[in-house]
Amino acid sequence: MTEYKKIFLDTAPFIYFLDADERYGSRTRDIFECILNSRGQLLTSTITCEEYLVYPYRTNNQEKVDAFFDFISDLHIPVYPIDIETAKIAALIRAKYKDFKGMDALQLASACVRGCDVFLTNDKQLRQFTEIPCITIDEWDK
């Protein structure tokens, strides 16, 4: 999907790639290569940092912590903070989509605030979001 130039990464693609997930690891790698080869810009928010780093910190796995920060640094993935504007939009999202979780709404709001073309996730529930396309790993076409 090379028509997308600004791609927001939810937490799942990070987990799949960095943890070499048996089902989605190589598929996620292929997606990242496709995006980078088409000069797409990857970005995410501090929510991704919080969500990804819980398990490495819980298991005292500094190697995984370092791998996460090396990955975002090597690929020049900006990690945007959650500010008041993003929080307001997240609240509007949760008001409209009553079953969305707070962290998901913050991620989606961050993607909207940053003008993303697509939100790459593996949460099928988020596909009902209409403001920007939400695409799962399986749905991404090369």
C-alpha atoms as a PDB file:
ATOM      1  CA  MET A   1       0.000   0.000   0.000  1.00  0.00           C
ATOM      2  CA  THR A   2       2.454   2.526  -1.206  1.00  0.00           C
ATOM      3  CA  GLU A   3      -0.220   5.219  -1.547  1.00  0.00           C
ATOM      4  CA  TYR A   4       0.113   5.766   2.195  1.00  0.00           C
ATOM      5  CA  LYS A   5       2.903   8.182   3.007  1.00  0.00           C
ATOM      6  CA  LYS A   6       2.339   8.844   6.708  1.00  0.00           C
ATOM      7  CA  ILE A   7       1.709   5.657   8.653  1.00  0.00           C
ATOM      8  CA  PHE A   8       0.884   5.579  12.339  1.00  0.00           C
ATOM      9  CA  LEU A   9       2.053   2.401  14.045  1.00  0.00           C
ATOM     10  CA  ASP A  10      -0.035   0.988  16.846  1.00  0.00           C
ATOM     11  CA  THR A  11       1.792  -1.162  19.404  1.00  0.00           C
ATOM     12  CA  ALA A  12       1.089  -4.568  17.840  1.00  0.00           C
ATOM     13  CA  PRO A  13       3.374  -4.109  14.794  1.00  0.00           C
ATOM     14  CA  PHE A  14       6.264  -3.273  17.142  1.00  0.00           C
ATOM     15  CA  ILE A  15       5.602  -6.373  19.226  1.00  0.00           C
ATOM     16  CA  TYR A  16       5.328  -8.631  16.189  1.00  0.00           C
ATOM     17  CA  PHE A  17       8.531  -7.373  14.621  1.00  0.00           C
ATOM     18  CA  LEU A  18      10.739  -6.921  17.672  1.00  0.00           C
ATOM     19  CA  ASP A  19       9.641 -10.152  19.340  1.00  0.00           C
ATOM     20  CA  ALA A  20       9.821 -12.132  16.069  1.00  0.00           C
ATOM     21  CA  ASP A  21       6.226 -13.237  16.469  1.00  0.00           C
ATOM     22  CA  GLU A  22       5.710 -16.644  14.894  1.00  0.00           C
ATOM     23  CA  ARG A  23       2.533 -15.664  13.058  1.00  0.00           C
ATOM     24  CA  TYR A  24       3.117 -11.999  12.182  1.00  0.00           C
ATOM     25  CA  GLY A  25       6.846 -11.285  12.572  1.00  0.00           C
ATOM     26  CA  SER A  26       7.942 -11.790   8.972  1.00  0.00           C
ATOM     27  CA  ARG A  27       4.734 -10.224   7.623  1.00  0.00           C
ATOM     28  CA  THR A  28       5.379  -7.121   9.719  1.00  0.00           C
ATOM     29  CA  ARG A  29       8.985  -6.976   8.515  1.00  0.00           C
ATOM     30  CA  ASP A  30       7.727  -7.088   4.913  1.00  0.00           C
ATOM     31  CA  ILE A  31       5.289  -4.259   5.637  1.00  0.00           C
ATOM     32  CA  PHE A  32       8.017  -2.109   7.175  1.00  0.00           C
ATOM     33  CA  GLU A  33      10.286  -2.749   4.173  1.00  0.00           C
ATOM     34  CA  CYS A  34       7.455  -1.854   1.788  1.00  0.00           C
ATOM     35  CA  ILE A  35       6.774   1.398   3.619  1.00  0.00           C
ATOM     36  CA  LEU A  36      10.423   2.390   3.830  1.00  0.00           C
ATOM     37  CA  ASN A  37      11.098   1.477   0.177  1.00  0.00           C
ATOM     38  CA  SER A  38       8.205   3.712  -0.868  1.00  0.00           C
ATOM     39  CA  ARG A  39       9.604   6.508   1.308  1.00  0.00           C
ATOM     40  CA  GLY A  40       6.699   6.354   3.712  1.00  0.00           C
ATOM     41  CA  GLN A  41       7.046   7.936   7.121  1.00  0.00           C
ATOM     42  CA  LEU A  42       6.430   5.787  10.192  1.00  0.00           C
ATOM     43  CA  LEU A  43       5.381   7.431  13.439  1.00  0.00           C
ATOM     44  CA  THR A  44       3.877   6.522  16.781  1.00  0.00           C
ATOM     45  CA  SER A  45       3.122   7.955  20.214  1.00  0.00           C
ATOM     46  CA  THR A  46       4.341   7.600  23.758  1.00  0.00           C
ATOM     47  CA  ILE A  47       1.432   5.200  24.324  1.00  0.00           C
ATOM     48  CA  THR A  48       3.303   2.665  22.174  1.00  0.00           C
ATOM     49  CA  CYS A  49       6.383   3.067  24.354  1.00  0.00           C
ATOM     50  CA  GLU A  50       4.362   2.466  27.492  1.00  0.00           C
ATOM     51  CA  GLU A  51       2.540  -0.545  26.066  1.00  0.00           C
ATOM     52  CA  TYR A  52       5.563  -2.215  24.484  1.00  0.00           C
ATOM     53  CA  LEU A  53       7.954  -1.730  27.390  1.00  0.00           C
ATOM     54  CA  VAL A  54       5.766  -3.246  30.131  1.00  0.00           C
ATOM     55  CA  TYR A  55       6.803  -6.851  29.489  1.00  0.00           C
ATOM     56  CA  PRO A  56      10.548  -6.185  29.022  1.00  0.00           C
ATOM     57  CA  TYR A  57      10.582  -4.166  32.247  1.00  0.00           C
ATOM     58  CA  ARG A  58       8.522  -6.778  34.092  1.00  0.00           C
ATOM     59  CA  THR A  59      10.924  -9.537  33.015  1.00  0.00           C
ATOM     60  CA  ASN A  60      13.984  -7.347  33.526  1.00  0.00           C
ATOM     61  CA  ASN A  61      14.950  -7.778  29.862  1.00  0.00           C
ATOM     62  CA  GLN A  62      17.171  -4.802  29.120  1.00  0.00           C
ATOM     63  CA  GLU A  63      18.044  -6.284  25.722  1.00  0.00           C
ATOM     64  CA  LYS A  64      14.415  -5.902  24.578  1.00  0.00           C
ATOM     65  CA  VAL A  65      14.238  -2.384  26.011  1.00  0.00           C
ATOM     66  CA  ASP A  66      17.377  -1.438  24.084  1.00  0.00           C
ATOM     67  CA  ALA A  67      16.099  -3.153  20.917  1.00  0.00           C
ATOM     68  CA  PHE A  68      12.921  -1.049  21.049  1.00  0.00           C
ATOM     69  CA  PHE A  69      14.780   2.246  21.352  1.00  0.00           C
ATOM     70  CA  ASP A  70      17.383   1.202  18.762  1.00  0.00           C
ATOM     71  CA  PHE A  71      14.583   0.326  16.336  1.00  0.00           C
ATOM     72  CA  ILE A  72      12.792   3.660  16.601  1.00  0.00           C
ATOM     73  CA  SER A  73      16.129   5.467  16.400  1.00  0.00           C
ATOM     74  CA  ASP A  74      17.468   3.482  13.426  1.00  0.00           C
ATOM     75  CA  LEU A  75      14.247   3.926  11.455  1.00  0.00           C
ATOM     76  CA  HIS A  76      13.853   7.567  12.543  1.00  0.00           C
ATOM     77  CA  ILE A  77      10.372   6.921  13.913  1.00  0.00           C
ATOM     78  CA  PRO A  78       9.186  10.013  15.767  1.00  0.00           C
ATOM     79  CA  VAL A  79       7.411   9.271  19.044  1.00  0.00           C
ATOM     80  CA  TYR A  80       4.883  11.989  19.747  1.00  0.00           C
ATOM     81  CA  PRO A  81       3.692  12.936  23.230  1.00  0.00           C
ATOM     82  CA  ILE A  82       0.070  13.011  24.227  1.00  0.00           C
ATOM     83  CA  ASP A  83      -0.857  16.670  24.618  1.00  0.00           C
ATOM     84  CA  ILE A  84      -4.106  18.422  25.527  1.00  0.00           C
ATOM     85  CA  GLU A  85      -5.306  18.613  21.906  1.00  0.00           C
ATOM     86  CA  THR A  86      -4.746  14.881  21.474  1.00  0.00           C
ATOM     87  CA  ALA A  87      -6.523  14.166  24.762  1.00  0.00           C
ATOM     88  CA  LYS A  88      -9.555  16.217  23.666  1.00  0.00           C
ATOM     89  CA  ILE A  89      -9.793  14.363  20.367  1.00  0.00           C
ATOM     90  CA  ALA A  90      -9.406  11.038  22.187  1.00  0.00           C
ATOM     91  CA  ALA A  91     -12.340  11.983  24.404  1.00  0.00           C
ATOM     92  CA  LEU A  92     -14.434  12.777  21.323  1.00  0.00           C
ATOM     93  CA  ILE A  93     -13.436   9.423  19.832  1.00  0.00           C
ATOM     94  CA  ARG A  94     -14.492   7.570  22.983  1.00  0.00           C
ATOM     95  CA  ALA A  95     -17.761   9.502  23.042  1.00  0.00           C
ATOM     96  CA  LYS A  96     -18.494   8.401  19.470  1.00  0.00           C
ATOM     97  CA  TYR A  97     -17.083   4.854  19.696  1.00  0.00           C
ATOM     98  CA  LYS A  98     -18.279   3.706  23.091  1.00  0.00           C
ATOM     99  CA  ASP A  99     -16.427   0.366  23.082  1.00  0.00           C
ATOM    100  CA  PHE A 100     -13.002   1.840  22.342  1.00  0.00           C
ATOM    101  CA  LYS A 101     -10.478   1.686  25.169  1.00  0.00           C
ATOM    102  CA  GLY A 102      -8.758   4.822  26.393  1.00  0.00           C
ATOM    103  CA  MET A 103      -5.311   3.874  25.114  1.00  0.00           C
ATOM    104  CA  ASP A 104      -6.726   3.030  21.666  1.00  0.00           C
ATOM    105  CA  ALA A 105      -8.531   6.369  21.507  1.00  0.00           C
ATOM    106  CA  LEU A 106      -5.309   8.179  22.429  1.00  0.00           C
ATOM    107  CA  GLN A 107      -3.425   6.314  19.695  1.00  0.00           C
ATOM    108  CA  LEU A 108      -6.101   7.109  17.104  1.00  0.00           C
ATOM    109  CA  ALA A 109      -6.250  10.742  18.208  1.00  0.00           C
ATOM    110  CA  SER A 110      -2.487  11.011  17.908  1.00  0.00           C
ATOM    111  CA  ALA A 111      -2.677   9.656  14.358  1.00  0.00           C
ATOM    112  CA  CYS A 112      -5.375  12.204  13.506  1.00  0.00           C
ATOM    113  CA  VAL A 113      -3.489  15.128  15.037  1.00  0.00           C
ATOM    114  CA  ARG A 114      -0.354  14.162  13.091  1.00  0.00           C
ATOM    115  CA  GLY A 115      -2.262  13.952   9.789  1.00  0.00           C
ATOM    116  CA  CYS A 116      -1.637  10.276   9.153  1.00  0.00           C
ATOM    117  CA  ASP A 117      -2.953   8.545   6.042  1.00  0.00           C
ATOM    118  CA  VAL A 118      -3.431   5.200   7.765  1.00  0.00           C
ATOM    119  CA  PHE A 119      -3.338   3.542  11.195  1.00  0.00           C
ATOM    120  CA  LEU A 120      -1.570   0.160  11.176  1.00  0.00           C
ATOM    121  CA  THR A 121      -2.851  -2.086  13.923  1.00  0.00           C
ATOM    122  CA  ASN A 122      -4.024  -5.602  14.493  1.00  0.00           C
ATOM    123  CA  ASP A 123      -7.080  -4.624  16.496  1.00  0.00           C
ATOM    124  CA  LYS A 124     -10.010  -5.456  14.215  1.00  0.00           C
ATOM    125  CA  GLN A 125     -12.407  -3.438  16.361  1.00  0.00           C
ATOM    126  CA  LEU A 126     -10.621  -0.234  15.334  1.00  0.00           C
ATOM    127  CA  ARG A 127     -11.563  -0.764  11.679  1.00  0.00           C
ATOM    128  CA  GLN A 128     -14.931   0.873  12.465  1.00  0.00           C
ATOM    129  CA  PHE A 129     -13.096   4.184  12.995  1.00  0.00           C
ATOM    130  CA  THR A 130     -14.003   6.392  10.027  1.00  0.00           C
ATOM    131  CA  GLU A 131     -11.689   9.381  10.375  1.00  0.00           C
ATOM    132  CA  ILE A 132      -8.668   7.560   8.902  1.00  0.00           C
ATOM    133  CA  PRO A 133      -8.345   4.007   7.573  1.00  0.00           C
ATOM    134  CA  CYS A 134      -7.369   1.454  10.220  1.00  0.00           C
ATOM    135  CA  ILE A 135      -5.729  -1.545   8.617  1.00  0.00           C
ATOM    136  CA  THR A 136      -4.688  -4.810  10.222  1.00  0.00           C
ATOM    137  CA  ILE A 137      -1.475  -6.653   9.429  1.00  0.00           C
ATOM    138  CA  ASP A 138      -3.394  -9.252   7.404  1.00  0.00           C
ATOM    139  CA  GLU A 139      -5.180  -6.559   5.367  1.00  0.00           C
ATOM    140  CA  TRP A 140      -2.034  -4.693   4.321  1.00  0.00           C
ATOM    141  CA  ASP A 141      -1.297  -5.260   0.616  1.00  0.00           C
ATOM    142  CA  LYS A 142       2.162  -4.815  -0.779  1.00  0.00           C
END
